[in-house]
Amino acid sequence: MSYEIGEGIVDVMSTAVPSRTSSAATSRTTSAPTPAPTGSVRRRLDWRIRFAVLSTVWGFSFLLIKVGTGAYAPFQVTFGRLFFGTAVLAVAMTVRRDRLPRGIRTWMHLAVAAFLLNALPFSLFAYSELTIPSTLAGICNATSPLWGMALSMVALSEDRPTRRRVAGLGTGFLGVLTVLGAWQGFSGLDFGGTAMALLASLSYPVGWIYVRRTLAGSSHSHLSLTGAQLLLATVQLAVVTPLFTTLPTSFPLVPLLAVIALGALGTGFALLMQYGLVAEVGPTTAQMVTYFIPVIATAAGVAVLNEQLGWNTPVGALIVLAGAALTQSRPKAPAAQP
C-alpha cells in the first residue's frame, strides 16, 4: 500500500503486495535485453508524462497552501484539503465498485495512520506557512526520507545501518543546516514555522513505520484503505476545526479555489495517479518523485509568489536531496561469474 509522504510517496506494503511489474522486472534482470516494441515505448512515455504531472501537482501544493492560508485558518485549509481529496477517492471507489474495509481493528489502525500521515502533517504545514515561505516548507518536506531512514534503522530490524546510509544522513543534515543558514546564527529564520514544517516531515515516516507494522499484508485494496484513511482524517479535522476556528464571514474565490485544487488534485487525484505509477514502474522508480517536489515548490514560490531566495536555500536543498538519495540507494550486486 502506498502512502503520501509530504507530497511524496512510500510504498509500505511492497513486500506483501508486489506490483504488477515485479515479475517483469525480475525477468529483465536475468535475461538479455531485447528491443522494446512500439507499444512498450508508448507506455514508457506515458508513465514519464504522468510522473512529471504528479511531481508538478505535489510541488505546487505548497504554493496552494500559502494561498489558502492567506484567507482561511490553517485548520480550515486542512479540512478542505481532506474533504475534497476524500470526495475524489469516493468517486473512484464508486466507479471501481470498491468497498471500505471491514473490521474494527483495521479501522482503529487506519485512524492512527490518518492522524500521523494526513491530519497532523497537513495541519502543521498549513500553520508553518503562516510564517515561512512555501519554498522553505517544500524543502523541509524533502527531509522525510532522511527521517525515515534514521527511524527505520531503529524501529525496523531489517533496515541495518550501513556506511552509505550513515553518510547519507550526515549529508542531509549538513544540507538542512545550509538551508537554515546556521553559520549566520539562523538570523531571520522563524523557528516556530520551520520547526512545524520539519515536524510535519517527521510525522510521515513515523506513520509509515506504524502502518508497515500494523497493516502490511492487508487483504483490502490500496484504494479502499486509503479512502478510509482520508475519510477518518476528514472526520478528525471536522471535530478539531470548529474548536479552534470560527466560520469565515466571506469566502474569497482565489483562496477557495486553491483549497479545492489542493484537495482534489494535490491529494485525491495525485494518489490515484501514484497507484498507477507504482503498479507500472514499481515503488522504487515512483518514489523518485520525492526529489523533484522541492525543486518545483521552490520555482513556484519564487515565480508566482515572488518569494525571496538566498543562495543557501537552493544549495542546501540540493545537499538534502543528495543525502536523501544516498540513504535510499543500494550498492550494486556483484556481477555473476561466467
C-alpha atoms as a PDB file:
ATOM      1  CA  MET A   1       0.000   0.000   0.000  1.00  0.00           C
ATOM      2  CA  SER A   2       1.334   3.412  -0.897  1.00  0.00           C
ATOM      3  CA  TYR A   3       1.010   6.495   1.218  1.00  0.00           C
ATOM      4  CA  GLU A   4       1.617  10.141   0.533  1.00  0.00           C
ATOM      5  CA  ILE A   5       4.715  11.496   2.232  1.00  0.00           C
ATOM      6  CA  GLY A   6       4.551  15.202   2.400  1.00  0.00           C
ATOM      7  CA  GLU A   7       3.814  15.370  -1.207  1.00  0.00           C
ATOM      8  CA  GLY A   8       5.887  12.319  -1.888  1.00  0.00           C
ATOM      9  CA  ILE A   9       5.394   8.579  -1.571  1.00  0.00           C
ATOM     10  CA  VAL A  10       6.479   5.495   0.316  1.00  0.00           C
ATOM     11  CA  ASP A  11       5.325   2.001  -0.562  1.00  0.00           C
ATOM     12  CA  VAL A  12       4.580   0.393   2.802  1.00  0.00           C
ATOM     13  CA  MET A  13       3.321  -2.924   1.529  1.00  0.00           C
ATOM     14  CA  SER A  14       5.580  -3.669  -1.396  1.00  0.00           C
ATOM     15  CA  THR A  15       6.842  -6.848   0.269  1.00  0.00           C
ATOM     16  CA  ALA A  16       3.335  -8.116   0.869  1.00  0.00           C
ATOM     17  CA  VAL A  17       1.665  -6.860  -2.285  1.00  0.00           C
ATOM     18  CA  PRO A  18       4.182  -6.827  -5.143  1.00  0.00           C
ATOM     19  CA  SER A  19       3.428  -4.574  -8.063  1.00  0.00           C
ATOM     20  CA  ARG A  20       2.346  -5.989 -11.370  1.00  0.00           C
ATOM     21  CA  THR A  21       5.742  -5.117 -12.800  1.00  0.00           C
ATOM     22  CA  SER A  22       7.793  -7.056 -10.248  1.00  0.00           C
ATOM     23  CA  SER A  23       7.885 -10.309 -12.195  1.00  0.00           C
ATOM     24  CA  ALA A  24       8.656  -8.483 -15.419  1.00  0.00           C
ATOM     25  CA  ALA A  25      11.452  -6.580 -13.728  1.00  0.00           C
ATOM     26  CA  THR A  26      12.928  -9.829 -12.443  1.00  0.00           C
ATOM     27  CA  SER A  27      12.896 -11.385 -15.876  1.00  0.00           C
ATOM     28  CA  ARG A  28      14.575  -8.342 -17.388  1.00  0.00           C
ATOM     29  CA  THR A  29      17.470  -8.607 -14.945  1.00  0.00           C
ATOM     30  CA  THR A  30      18.032 -12.289 -15.635  1.00  0.00           C
ATOM     31  CA  SER A  31      17.816 -12.297 -19.395  1.00  0.00           C
ATOM     32  CA  ALA A  32      19.457 -10.470 -22.237  1.00  0.00           C
ATOM     33  CA  PRO A  33      17.793  -7.183 -23.189  1.00  0.00           C
ATOM     34  CA  THR A  34      15.597  -7.183 -26.267  1.00  0.00           C
ATOM     35  CA  PRO A  35      14.415  -4.270 -28.384  1.00  0.00           C
ATOM     36  CA  ALA A  36      11.249  -2.754 -26.934  1.00  0.00           C
ATOM     37  CA  PRO A  37       8.167  -2.881 -29.156  1.00  0.00           C
ATOM     38  CA  THR A  38       6.381   0.265 -30.183  1.00  0.00           C
ATOM     39  CA  GLY A  39       3.617  -0.264 -27.640  1.00  0.00           C
ATOM     40  CA  SER A  40       6.188  -0.555 -24.848  1.00  0.00           C
ATOM     41  CA  VAL A  41       7.756   2.762 -25.855  1.00  0.00           C
ATOM     42  CA  ARG A  42       4.359   4.407 -25.732  1.00  0.00           C
ATOM     43  CA  ARG A  43       3.709   3.048 -22.265  1.00  0.00           C
ATOM     44  CA  ARG A  44       7.125   4.240 -21.093  1.00  0.00           C
ATOM     45  CA  LEU A  45       6.448   7.722 -22.465  1.00  0.00           C
ATOM     46  CA  ASP A  46       3.034   7.648 -20.817  1.00  0.00           C
ATOM     47  CA  TRP A  47       4.343   6.914 -17.309  1.00  0.00           C
ATOM     48  CA  ARG A  48       7.015   9.581 -17.697  1.00  0.00           C
ATOM     49  CA  ILE A  49       4.368  12.150 -18.535  1.00  0.00           C
ATOM     50  CA  ARG A  50       2.308  11.092 -15.527  1.00  0.00           C
ATOM     51  CA  PHE A  51       5.442  11.187 -13.386  1.00  0.00           C
ATOM     52  CA  ALA A  52       6.043  14.803 -14.458  1.00  0.00           C
ATOM     53  CA  VAL A  53       2.404  15.714 -13.800  1.00  0.00           C
ATOM     54  CA  LEU A  54       2.498  14.159 -10.337  1.00  0.00           C
ATOM     55  CA  SER A  55       5.731  15.976  -9.481  1.00  0.00           C
ATOM     56  CA  THR A  56       4.191  19.254 -10.620  1.00  0.00           C
ATOM     57  CA  VAL A  57       0.945  18.756  -8.725  1.00  0.00           C
ATOM     58  CA  TRP A  58       2.688  17.896  -5.470  1.00  0.00           C
ATOM     59  CA  GLY A  59       5.296  20.614  -5.977  1.00  0.00           C
ATOM     60  CA  PHE A  60       2.581  23.258  -6.389  1.00  0.00           C
ATOM     61  CA  SER A  61       0.777  22.036  -3.270  1.00  0.00           C
ATOM     62  CA  PHE A  62       2.934  24.239  -1.061  1.00  0.00           C
ATOM     63  CA  LEU A  63       2.020  27.285  -3.121  1.00  0.00           C
ATOM     64  CA  LEU A  64      -1.680  26.343  -2.829  1.00  0.00           C
ATOM     65  CA  ILE A  65      -1.330  26.038   0.945  1.00  0.00           C
ATOM     66  CA  LYS A  66       0.199  29.508   1.079  1.00  0.00           C
ATOM     67  CA  VAL A  67      -2.617  30.996  -0.993  1.00  0.00           C
ATOM     68  CA  GLY A  68      -5.282  29.176   1.028  1.00  0.00           C
ATOM     69  CA  THR A  69      -3.945  30.301   4.409  1.00  0.00           C
ATOM     70  CA  GLY A  70      -3.984  33.873   3.144  1.00  0.00           C
ATOM     71  CA  ALA A  71      -7.768  33.906   3.670  1.00  0.00           C
ATOM     72  CA  TYR A  72      -8.646  30.863   5.771  1.00  0.00           C
ATOM     73  CA  ALA A  73      -7.374  29.425   9.026  1.00  0.00           C
ATOM     74  CA  PRO A  74      -4.845  26.580   8.701  1.00  0.00           C
ATOM     75  CA  PHE A  75      -7.255  24.016  10.149  1.00  0.00           C
ATOM     76  CA  GLN A  76      -9.884  25.149   7.632  1.00  0.00           C
ATOM     77  CA  VAL A  77      -7.418  24.731   4.772  1.00  0.00           C
ATOM     78  CA  THR A  78      -6.524  21.258   6.000  1.00  0.00           C
ATOM     79  CA  PHE A  79     -10.169  20.268   6.425  1.00  0.00           C
ATOM     80  CA  GLY A  80     -10.986  21.465   2.908  1.00  0.00           C
ATOM     81  CA  ARG A  81      -7.984  19.616   1.534  1.00  0.00           C
ATOM     82  CA  LEU A  82      -9.057  16.355   3.169  1.00  0.00           C
ATOM     83  CA  PHE A  83     -12.722  16.816   2.300  1.00  0.00           C
ATOM     84  CA  PHE A  84     -12.140  17.309  -1.418  1.00  0.00           C
ATOM     85  CA  GLY A  85      -9.426  14.648  -1.516  1.00  0.00           C
ATOM     86  CA  THR A  86     -11.790  12.154   0.097  1.00  0.00           C
ATOM     87  CA  ALA A  87     -14.528  13.106  -2.379  1.00  0.00           C
ATOM     88  CA  VAL A  88     -12.251  12.234  -5.315  1.00  0.00           C
ATOM     89  CA  LEU A  89     -11.380   8.848  -3.828  1.00  0.00           C
ATOM     90  CA  ALA A  90     -15.052   8.201  -3.044  1.00  0.00           C
ATOM     91  CA  VAL A  91     -15.919   8.752  -6.709  1.00  0.00           C
ATOM     92  CA  ALA A  92     -13.080   6.446  -7.759  1.00  0.00           C
ATOM     93  CA  MET A  93     -14.255   3.749  -5.348  1.00  0.00           C
ATOM     94  CA  THR A  94     -17.794   4.040  -6.695  1.00  0.00           C
ATOM     95  CA  VAL A  95     -16.628   3.735 -10.288  1.00  0.00           C
ATOM     96  CA  ARG A  96     -14.444   0.731  -9.477  1.00  0.00           C
ATOM     97  CA  ARG A  97     -17.097  -0.763  -7.181  1.00  0.00           C
ATOM     98  CA  ASP A  98     -14.647  -0.961  -4.341  1.00  0.00           C
ATOM     99  CA  ARG A  99     -15.791  -1.038  -0.715  1.00  0.00           C
ATOM    100  CA  LEU A 100     -14.466   0.370   2.517  1.00  0.00           C
ATOM    101  CA  PRO A 101     -12.551  -2.115   4.669  1.00  0.00           C
ATOM    102  CA  ARG A 102     -14.269  -4.069   7.407  1.00  0.00           C
ATOM    103  CA  GLY A 103     -13.149  -4.891  10.920  1.00  0.00           C
ATOM    104  CA  ILE A 104     -12.872  -2.624  13.946  1.00  0.00           C
ATOM    105  CA  ARG A 105      -9.177  -3.422  14.341  1.00  0.00           C
ATOM    106  CA  THR A 106      -8.417  -2.272  10.790  1.00  0.00           C
ATOM    107  CA  TRP A 107     -10.353   0.941  11.326  1.00  0.00           C
ATOM    108  CA  MET A 108      -8.510   1.629  14.588  1.00  0.00           C
ATOM    109  CA  HIS A 109      -5.151   1.259  12.859  1.00  0.00           C
ATOM    110  CA  LEU A 110      -6.358   3.438   9.994  1.00  0.00           C
ATOM    111  CA  ALA A 111      -7.428   6.130  12.478  1.00  0.00           C
ATOM    112  CA  VAL A 112      -3.862   6.317  13.817  1.00  0.00           C
ATOM    113  CA  ALA A 113      -2.494   6.321  10.253  1.00  0.00           C
ATOM    114  CA  ALA A 114      -4.921   9.096   9.305  1.00  0.00           C
ATOM    115  CA  PHE A 115      -3.612  11.242  12.147  1.00  0.00           C
ATOM    116  CA  LEU A 116       0.087  10.613  11.503  1.00  0.00           C
ATOM    117  CA  LEU A 117       0.011  10.672   7.696  1.00  0.00           C
ATOM    118  CA  ASN A 118      -2.691  13.244   6.972  1.00  0.00           C
ATOM    119  CA  ALA A 119      -4.319  15.248   9.759  1.00  0.00           C
ATOM    120  CA  LEU A 120      -1.151  16.120  11.689  1.00  0.00           C
ATOM    121  CA  PRO A 121       1.354  16.847   8.884  1.00  0.00           C
ATOM    122  CA  PHE A 122      -1.182  18.646   6.671  1.00  0.00           C
ATOM    123  CA  SER A 123      -2.125  20.900   9.598  1.00  0.00           C
ATOM    124  CA  LEU A 124       1.499  21.520  10.574  1.00  0.00           C
ATOM    125  CA  PHE A 125       2.446  22.515   7.040  1.00  0.00           C
ATOM    126  CA  ALA A 126      -0.548  24.847   6.869  1.00  0.00           C
ATOM    127  CA  TYR A 127       0.394  26.526  10.152  1.00  0.00           C
ATOM    128  CA  SER A 128       4.074  26.703   9.213  1.00  0.00           C
ATOM    129  CA  GLU A 129       3.329  28.638   6.039  1.00  0.00           C
ATOM    130  CA  LEU A 130       1.785  31.436   8.068  1.00  0.00           C
ATOM    131  CA  THR A 131       5.330  32.483   8.935  1.00  0.00           C
ATOM    132  CA  ILE A 132       7.730  30.795   6.495  1.00  0.00           C
ATOM    133  CA  PRO A 133       7.873  30.841   2.672  1.00  0.00           C
ATOM    134  CA  SER A 134       6.328  27.996   0.710  1.00  0.00           C
ATOM    135  CA  THR A 135       9.804  27.340  -0.726  1.00  0.00           C
ATOM    136  CA  LEU A 136      11.191  26.539   2.736  1.00  0.00           C
ATOM    137  CA  ALA A 137       8.193  24.339   3.546  1.00  0.00           C
ATOM    138  CA  GLY A 138       8.770  22.365   0.357  1.00  0.00           C
ATOM    139  CA  ILE A 139      12.445  21.880   1.174  1.00  0.00           C
ATOM    140  CA  CYS A 140      11.614  20.777   4.736  1.00  0.00           C
ATOM    141  CA  ASN A 141       9.303  18.186   3.200  1.00  0.00           C
ATOM    142  CA  ALA A 142      12.305  16.739   1.355  1.00  0.00           C
ATOM    143  CA  THR A 143      13.821  15.705   4.698  1.00  0.00           C
ATOM    144  CA  SER A 144      11.185  12.962   5.114  1.00  0.00           C
ATOM    145  CA  PRO A 145      13.403  10.250   3.563  1.00  0.00           C
ATOM    146  CA  LEU A 146      16.175  11.243   5.971  1.00  0.00           C
ATOM    147  CA  TRP A 147      13.886  10.988   8.993  1.00  0.00           C
ATOM    148  CA  GLY A 148      12.506   7.748   7.607  1.00  0.00           C
ATOM    149  CA  MET A 149      15.905   6.162   7.192  1.00  0.00           C
ATOM    150  CA  ALA A 150      17.010   7.186  10.688  1.00  0.00           C
ATOM    151  CA  LEU A 151      13.819   5.847  12.264  1.00  0.00           C
ATOM    152  CA  SER A 152      13.698   2.639  10.235  1.00  0.00           C
ATOM    153  CA  MET A 153      17.213   1.699  11.282  1.00  0.00           C
ATOM    154  CA  VAL A 154      15.975   1.811  14.879  1.00  0.00           C
ATOM    155  CA  ALA A 155      12.416   0.531  14.552  1.00  0.00           C
ATOM    156  CA  LEU A 156      12.704  -1.989  11.712  1.00  0.00           C
ATOM    157  CA  SER A 157      15.055  -4.903  12.242  1.00  0.00           C
ATOM    158  CA  GLU A 158      15.530  -5.475   8.505  1.00  0.00           C
ATOM    159  CA  ASP A 159      16.943  -1.977   7.975  1.00  0.00           C
ATOM    160  CA  ARG A 160      20.504  -2.131   9.268  1.00  0.00           C
ATOM    161  CA  PRO A 161      22.803   0.900   9.329  1.00  0.00           C
ATOM    162  CA  THR A 162      25.444   0.901   6.617  1.00  0.00           C
ATOM    163  CA  ARG A 163      28.216   3.339   5.787  1.00  0.00           C
ATOM    164  CA  ARG A 164      26.261   4.528   2.767  1.00  0.00           C
ATOM    165  CA  ARG A 165      23.147   5.263   4.827  1.00  0.00           C
ATOM    166  CA  VAL A 166      25.058   6.945   7.641  1.00  0.00           C
ATOM    167  CA  ALA A 167      26.862   9.094   5.062  1.00  0.00           C
ATOM    168  CA  GLY A 168      23.512   9.998   3.515  1.00  0.00           C
ATOM    169  CA  LEU A 169      22.081  11.036   6.888  1.00  0.00           C
ATOM    170  CA  GLY A 170      25.140  13.164   7.625  1.00  0.00           C
ATOM    171  CA  THR A 171      24.989  14.784   4.195  1.00  0.00           C
ATOM    172  CA  GLY A 172      21.291  15.525   4.571  1.00  0.00           C
ATOM    173  CA  PHE A 173      21.850  17.076   7.989  1.00  0.00           C
ATOM    174  CA  LEU A 174      24.516  19.385   6.553  1.00  0.00           C
ATOM    175  CA  GLY A 175      22.044  20.333   3.833  1.00  0.00           C
ATOM    176  CA  VAL A 176      19.425  21.290   6.414  1.00  0.00           C
ATOM    177  CA  LEU A 177      21.956  23.466   8.250  1.00  0.00           C
ATOM    178  CA  THR A 178      22.846  25.112   4.928  1.00  0.00           C
ATOM    179  CA  VAL A 179      19.198  25.861   4.135  1.00  0.00           C
ATOM    180  CA  LEU A 180      18.689  27.356   7.598  1.00  0.00           C
ATOM    181  CA  GLY A 181      21.895  29.438   7.403  1.00  0.00           C
ATOM    182  CA  ALA A 182      23.494  28.009  10.549  1.00  0.00           C
ATOM    183  CA  TRP A 183      26.746  29.998  10.070  1.00  0.00           C
ATOM    184  CA  GLN A 184      24.711  33.211  10.332  1.00  0.00           C
ATOM    185  CA  GLY A 185      23.185  32.191  13.643  1.00  0.00           C
ATOM    186  CA  PHE A 186      19.861  31.367  11.888  1.00  0.00           C
ATOM    187  CA  SER A 187      19.222  35.099  11.544  1.00  0.00           C
ATOM    188  CA  GLY A 188      15.875  36.000  10.014  1.00  0.00           C
ATOM    189  CA  LEU A 189      14.587  32.463  10.496  1.00  0.00           C
ATOM    190  CA  ASP A 190      11.200  31.852  12.050  1.00  0.00           C
ATOM    191  CA  PHE A 191      11.898  28.978  14.423  1.00  0.00           C
ATOM    192  CA  GLY A 192       8.248  28.165  15.086  1.00  0.00           C
ATOM    193  CA  GLY A 193       7.249  27.812  11.447  1.00  0.00           C
ATOM    194  CA  THR A 194      10.405  25.941  10.485  1.00  0.00           C
ATOM    195  CA  ALA A 195      10.041  23.552  13.431  1.00  0.00           C
ATOM    196  CA  MET A 196       6.443  22.788  12.445  1.00  0.00           C
ATOM    197  CA  ALA A 197       7.465  22.059   8.837  1.00  0.00           C
ATOM    198  CA  LEU A 198      10.257  19.737   9.990  1.00  0.00           C
ATOM    199  CA  LEU A 199       7.907  18.045  12.468  1.00  0.00           C
ATOM    200  CA  ALA A 200       5.420  17.519   9.650  1.00  0.00           C
ATOM    201  CA  SER A 201       8.101  15.831   7.559  1.00  0.00           C
ATOM    202  CA  LEU A 202       8.981  13.645  10.563  1.00  0.00           C
ATOM    203  CA  SER A 203       5.353  12.632  11.053  1.00  0.00           C
ATOM    204  CA  TYR A 204       5.223  10.877   7.665  1.00  0.00           C
ATOM    205  CA  PRO A 205       7.891   8.214   8.328  1.00  0.00           C
ATOM    206  CA  VAL A 206       6.516   7.662  11.843  1.00  0.00           C
ATOM    207  CA  GLY A 207       3.147   6.924  10.259  1.00  0.00           C
ATOM    208  CA  TRP A 208       4.783   4.794   7.581  1.00  0.00           C
ATOM    209  CA  ILE A 209       6.502   2.611  10.174  1.00  0.00           C
ATOM    210  CA  TYR A 210       3.247   2.274  12.115  1.00  0.00           C
ATOM    211  CA  VAL A 211       1.341   1.225   9.002  1.00  0.00           C
ATOM    212  CA  ARG A 212       4.068  -1.185   7.993  1.00  0.00           C
ATOM    213  CA  ARG A 213       3.846  -2.858  11.391  1.00  0.00           C
ATOM    214  CA  THR A 214       0.058  -2.989  11.598  1.00  0.00           C
ATOM    215  CA  LEU A 215      -1.479  -3.079   8.106  1.00  0.00           C
ATOM    216  CA  ALA A 216       1.149  -4.730   5.907  1.00  0.00           C
ATOM    217  CA  GLY A 217      -0.338  -7.722   4.141  1.00  0.00           C
ATOM    218  CA  SER A 218      -3.920  -6.492   4.423  1.00  0.00           C
ATOM    219  CA  SER A 219      -6.325  -8.158   2.021  1.00  0.00           C
ATOM    220  CA  HIS A 220      -8.039  -4.852   1.280  1.00  0.00           C
ATOM    221  CA  SER A 221      -7.173  -2.866  -1.834  1.00  0.00           C
ATOM    222  CA  HIS A 222      -4.915   0.201  -1.818  1.00  0.00           C
ATOM    223  CA  LEU A 223      -7.861   2.381  -2.805  1.00  0.00           C
ATOM    224  CA  SER A 224     -10.103   1.001  -0.076  1.00  0.00           C
ATOM    225  CA  LEU A 225      -7.564   1.532   2.700  1.00  0.00           C
ATOM    226  CA  THR A 226      -6.503   4.991   1.576  1.00  0.00           C
ATOM    227  CA  GLY A 227     -10.101   6.082   1.039  1.00  0.00           C
ATOM    228  CA  ALA A 228     -10.941   5.013   4.583  1.00  0.00           C
ATOM    229  CA  GLN A 229      -7.794   6.697   5.895  1.00  0.00           C
ATOM    230  CA  LEU A 230      -8.645  10.040   4.277  1.00  0.00           C
ATOM    231  CA  LEU A 231     -12.246   9.729   5.476  1.00  0.00           C
ATOM    232  CA  LEU A 232     -11.064   9.278   9.061  1.00  0.00           C
ATOM    233  CA  ALA A 233      -8.645  12.204   8.743  1.00  0.00           C
ATOM    234  CA  THR A 234     -11.526  14.355   7.453  1.00  0.00           C
ATOM    235  CA  VAL A 235     -13.622  13.375  10.466  1.00  0.00           C
ATOM    236  CA  GLN A 236     -10.741  14.229  12.790  1.00  0.00           C
ATOM    237  CA  LEU A 237     -10.422  17.704  11.259  1.00  0.00           C
ATOM    238  CA  ALA A 238     -14.205  18.140  11.278  1.00  0.00           C
ATOM    239  CA  VAL A 239     -14.075  17.707  15.064  1.00  0.00           C
ATOM    240  CA  VAL A 240     -10.987  19.855  15.678  1.00  0.00           C
ATOM    241  CA  THR A 241     -11.622  22.756  13.277  1.00  0.00           C
ATOM    242  CA  PRO A 242     -14.740  24.233  14.986  1.00  0.00           C
ATOM    243  CA  LEU A 243     -12.933  24.145  18.336  1.00  0.00           C
ATOM    244  CA  PHE A 244     -10.096  26.403  17.177  1.00  0.00           C
ATOM    245  CA  THR A 245     -11.614  28.479  14.378  1.00  0.00           C
ATOM    246  CA  THR A 246     -14.765  30.411  13.592  1.00  0.00           C
ATOM    247  CA  LEU A 247     -16.771  30.133  10.403  1.00  0.00           C
ATOM    248  CA  PRO A 248     -15.432  32.576   7.776  1.00  0.00           C
ATOM    249  CA  THR A 249     -17.644  35.595   7.143  1.00  0.00           C
ATOM    250  CA  SER A 250     -16.614  35.610   3.481  1.00  0.00           C
ATOM    251  CA  PHE A 251     -15.191  33.133   1.015  1.00  0.00           C
ATOM    252  CA  PRO A 252     -12.618  34.800  -1.270  1.00  0.00           C
ATOM    253  CA  LEU A 253     -12.632  32.993  -4.593  1.00  0.00           C
ATOM    254  CA  VAL A 254      -8.908  32.530  -5.307  1.00  0.00           C
ATOM    255  CA  PRO A 255      -8.016  31.071  -1.872  1.00  0.00           C
ATOM    256  CA  LEU A 256     -11.126  28.887  -2.056  1.00  0.00           C
ATOM    257  CA  LEU A 257     -10.098  27.544  -5.458  1.00  0.00           C
ATOM    258  CA  ALA A 258      -6.616  26.945  -4.057  1.00  0.00           C
ATOM    259  CA  VAL A 259      -8.048  24.790  -1.257  1.00  0.00           C
ATOM    260  CA  ILE A 260     -10.254  22.864  -3.695  1.00  0.00           C
ATOM    261  CA  ALA A 261      -7.303  22.239  -6.018  1.00  0.00           C
ATOM    262  CA  LEU A 262      -5.117  21.258  -3.063  1.00  0.00           C
ATOM    263  CA  GLY A 263      -7.619  18.582  -2.062  1.00  0.00           C
ATOM    264  CA  ALA A 264      -8.998  17.377  -5.379  1.00  0.00           C
ATOM    265  CA  LEU A 265      -5.725  17.489  -7.333  1.00  0.00           C
ATOM    266  CA  GLY A 266      -2.930  17.526  -4.763  1.00  0.00           C
ATOM    267  CA  THR A 267      -4.414  14.763  -2.622  1.00  0.00           C
ATOM    268  CA  GLY A 268      -7.175  12.773  -4.333  1.00  0.00           C
ATOM    269  CA  PHE A 269      -6.130  12.828  -7.979  1.00  0.00           C
ATOM    270  CA  ALA A 270      -2.426  12.611  -7.099  1.00  0.00           C
ATOM    271  CA  LEU A 271      -2.957   9.467  -5.037  1.00  0.00           C
ATOM    272  CA  LEU A 272      -4.832   7.799  -7.883  1.00  0.00           C
ATOM    273  CA  MET A 273      -2.039   8.713 -10.281  1.00  0.00           C
ATOM    274  CA  GLN A 274       0.507   7.410  -7.795  1.00  0.00           C
ATOM    275  CA  TYR A 275      -1.193   3.981  -7.741  1.00  0.00           C
ATOM    276  CA  GLY A 276      -0.799   3.680 -11.494  1.00  0.00           C
ATOM    277  CA  LEU A 277       2.881   4.617 -11.357  1.00  0.00           C
ATOM    278  CA  VAL A 278       3.686   2.150  -8.583  1.00  0.00           C
ATOM    279  CA  ALA A 279       1.855  -0.624 -10.426  1.00  0.00           C
ATOM    280  CA  GLU A 280       3.541   0.145 -13.760  1.00  0.00           C
ATOM    281  CA  VAL A 281       7.116   1.016 -12.867  1.00  0.00           C
ATOM    282  CA  GLY A 282       7.393  -0.199  -9.261  1.00  0.00           C
ATOM    283  CA  PRO A 283       7.724   1.686  -5.979  1.00  0.00           C
ATOM    284  CA  THR A 284      11.434   2.475  -6.323  1.00  0.00           C
ATOM    285  CA  THR A 285      11.028   4.484  -9.521  1.00  0.00           C
ATOM    286  CA  ALA A 286       7.749   6.033  -8.371  1.00  0.00           C
ATOM    287  CA  GLN A 287       9.388   7.258  -5.153  1.00  0.00           C
ATOM    288  CA  MET A 288      11.810   9.358  -7.194  1.00  0.00           C
ATOM    289  CA  VAL A 289       9.037  11.938  -7.471  1.00  0.00           C
ATOM    290  CA  THR A 290      10.010  12.968  -3.922  1.00  0.00           C
ATOM    291  CA  TYR A 291      13.240  14.514  -5.215  1.00  0.00           C
ATOM    292  CA  PHE A 292      11.511  16.720  -7.789  1.00  0.00           C
ATOM    293  CA  ILE A 293       8.959  18.198  -5.385  1.00  0.00           C
ATOM    294  CA  PRO A 294      11.219  20.758  -3.609  1.00  0.00           C
ATOM    295  CA  VAL A 295      12.603  21.927  -6.955  1.00  0.00           C
ATOM    296  CA  ILE A 296       9.105  22.624  -8.270  1.00  0.00           C
ATOM    297  CA  ALA A 297       7.955  24.076  -4.942  1.00  0.00           C
ATOM    298  CA  THR A 298      10.892  26.489  -4.956  1.00  0.00           C
ATOM    299  CA  ALA A 299      10.352  27.522  -8.569  1.00  0.00           C
ATOM    300  CA  ALA A 300       6.627  28.066  -7.960  1.00  0.00           C
ATOM    301  CA  GLY A 301       7.192  30.112  -4.818  1.00  0.00           C
ATOM    302  CA  VAL A 302       9.723  32.383  -6.489  1.00  0.00           C
ATOM    303  CA  ALA A 303       7.922  32.771  -9.821  1.00  0.00           C
ATOM    304  CA  VAL A 304       4.323  33.058  -8.626  1.00  0.00           C
ATOM    305  CA  LEU A 305       4.547  34.392  -5.072  1.00  0.00           C
ATOM    306  CA  ASN A 306       7.737  36.436  -5.544  1.00  0.00           C
ATOM    307  CA  GLU A 307       9.335  34.814  -2.513  1.00  0.00           C
ATOM    308  CA  GLN A 308      12.935  35.782  -1.831  1.00  0.00           C
ATOM    309  CA  LEU A 309      15.567  33.122  -2.349  1.00  0.00           C
ATOM    310  CA  GLY A 310      19.077  33.316  -0.914  1.00  0.00           C
ATOM    311  CA  TRP A 311      21.903  31.289  -2.404  1.00  0.00           C
ATOM    312  CA  ASN A 312      21.960  28.933   0.587  1.00  0.00           C
ATOM    313  CA  THR A 313      18.371  27.757   0.023  1.00  0.00           C
ATOM    314  CA  PRO A 314      18.818  26.018  -3.359  1.00  0.00           C
ATOM    315  CA  VAL A 315      22.342  24.876  -2.479  1.00  0.00           C
ATOM    316  CA  GLY A 316      21.157  23.398   0.802  1.00  0.00           C
ATOM    317  CA  ALA A 317      18.179  21.811  -0.924  1.00  0.00           C
ATOM    318  CA  LEU A 318      20.480  20.040  -3.382  1.00  0.00           C
ATOM    319  CA  ILE A 319      22.604  18.750  -0.494  1.00  0.00           C
ATOM    320  CA  VAL A 320      19.472  17.499   1.296  1.00  0.00           C
ATOM    321  CA  LEU A 321      18.315  15.700  -1.838  1.00  0.00           C
ATOM    322  CA  ALA A 322      21.760  14.191  -2.363  1.00  0.00           C
ATOM    323  CA  GLY A 323      21.740  12.886   1.192  1.00  0.00           C
ATOM    324  CA  ALA A 324      18.208  11.512   0.835  1.00  0.00           C
ATOM    325  CA  ALA A 325      19.123   9.794  -2.424  1.00  0.00           C
ATOM    326  CA  LEU A 326      22.203   8.299  -0.787  1.00  0.00           C
ATOM    327  CA  THR A 327      20.171   6.825   2.069  1.00  0.00           C
ATOM    328  CA  GLN A 328      17.789   5.228  -0.420  1.00  0.00           C
ATOM    329  CA  SER A 329      20.462   3.860  -2.761  1.00  0.00           C
ATOM    330  CA  ARG A 330      21.700   0.309  -2.648  1.00  0.00           C
ATOM    331  CA  PRO A 331      25.153  -0.990  -3.587  1.00  0.00           C
ATOM    332  CA  LYS A 332      25.256  -2.829  -6.876  1.00  0.00           C
ATOM    333  CA  ALA A 333      25.136  -6.575  -6.626  1.00  0.00           C
ATOM    334  CA  PRO A 334      28.377  -8.247  -7.735  1.00  0.00           C
ATOM    335  CA  ALA A 335      28.298  -9.463 -11.306  1.00  0.00           C
ATOM    336  CA  ALA A 336      27.715 -13.181 -11.733  1.00  0.00           C
ATOM    337  CA  GLN A 337      30.814 -15.150 -12.600  1.00  0.00           C
ATOM    338  CA  PRO A 338      30.688 -16.832 -16.004  1.00  0.00           C
END
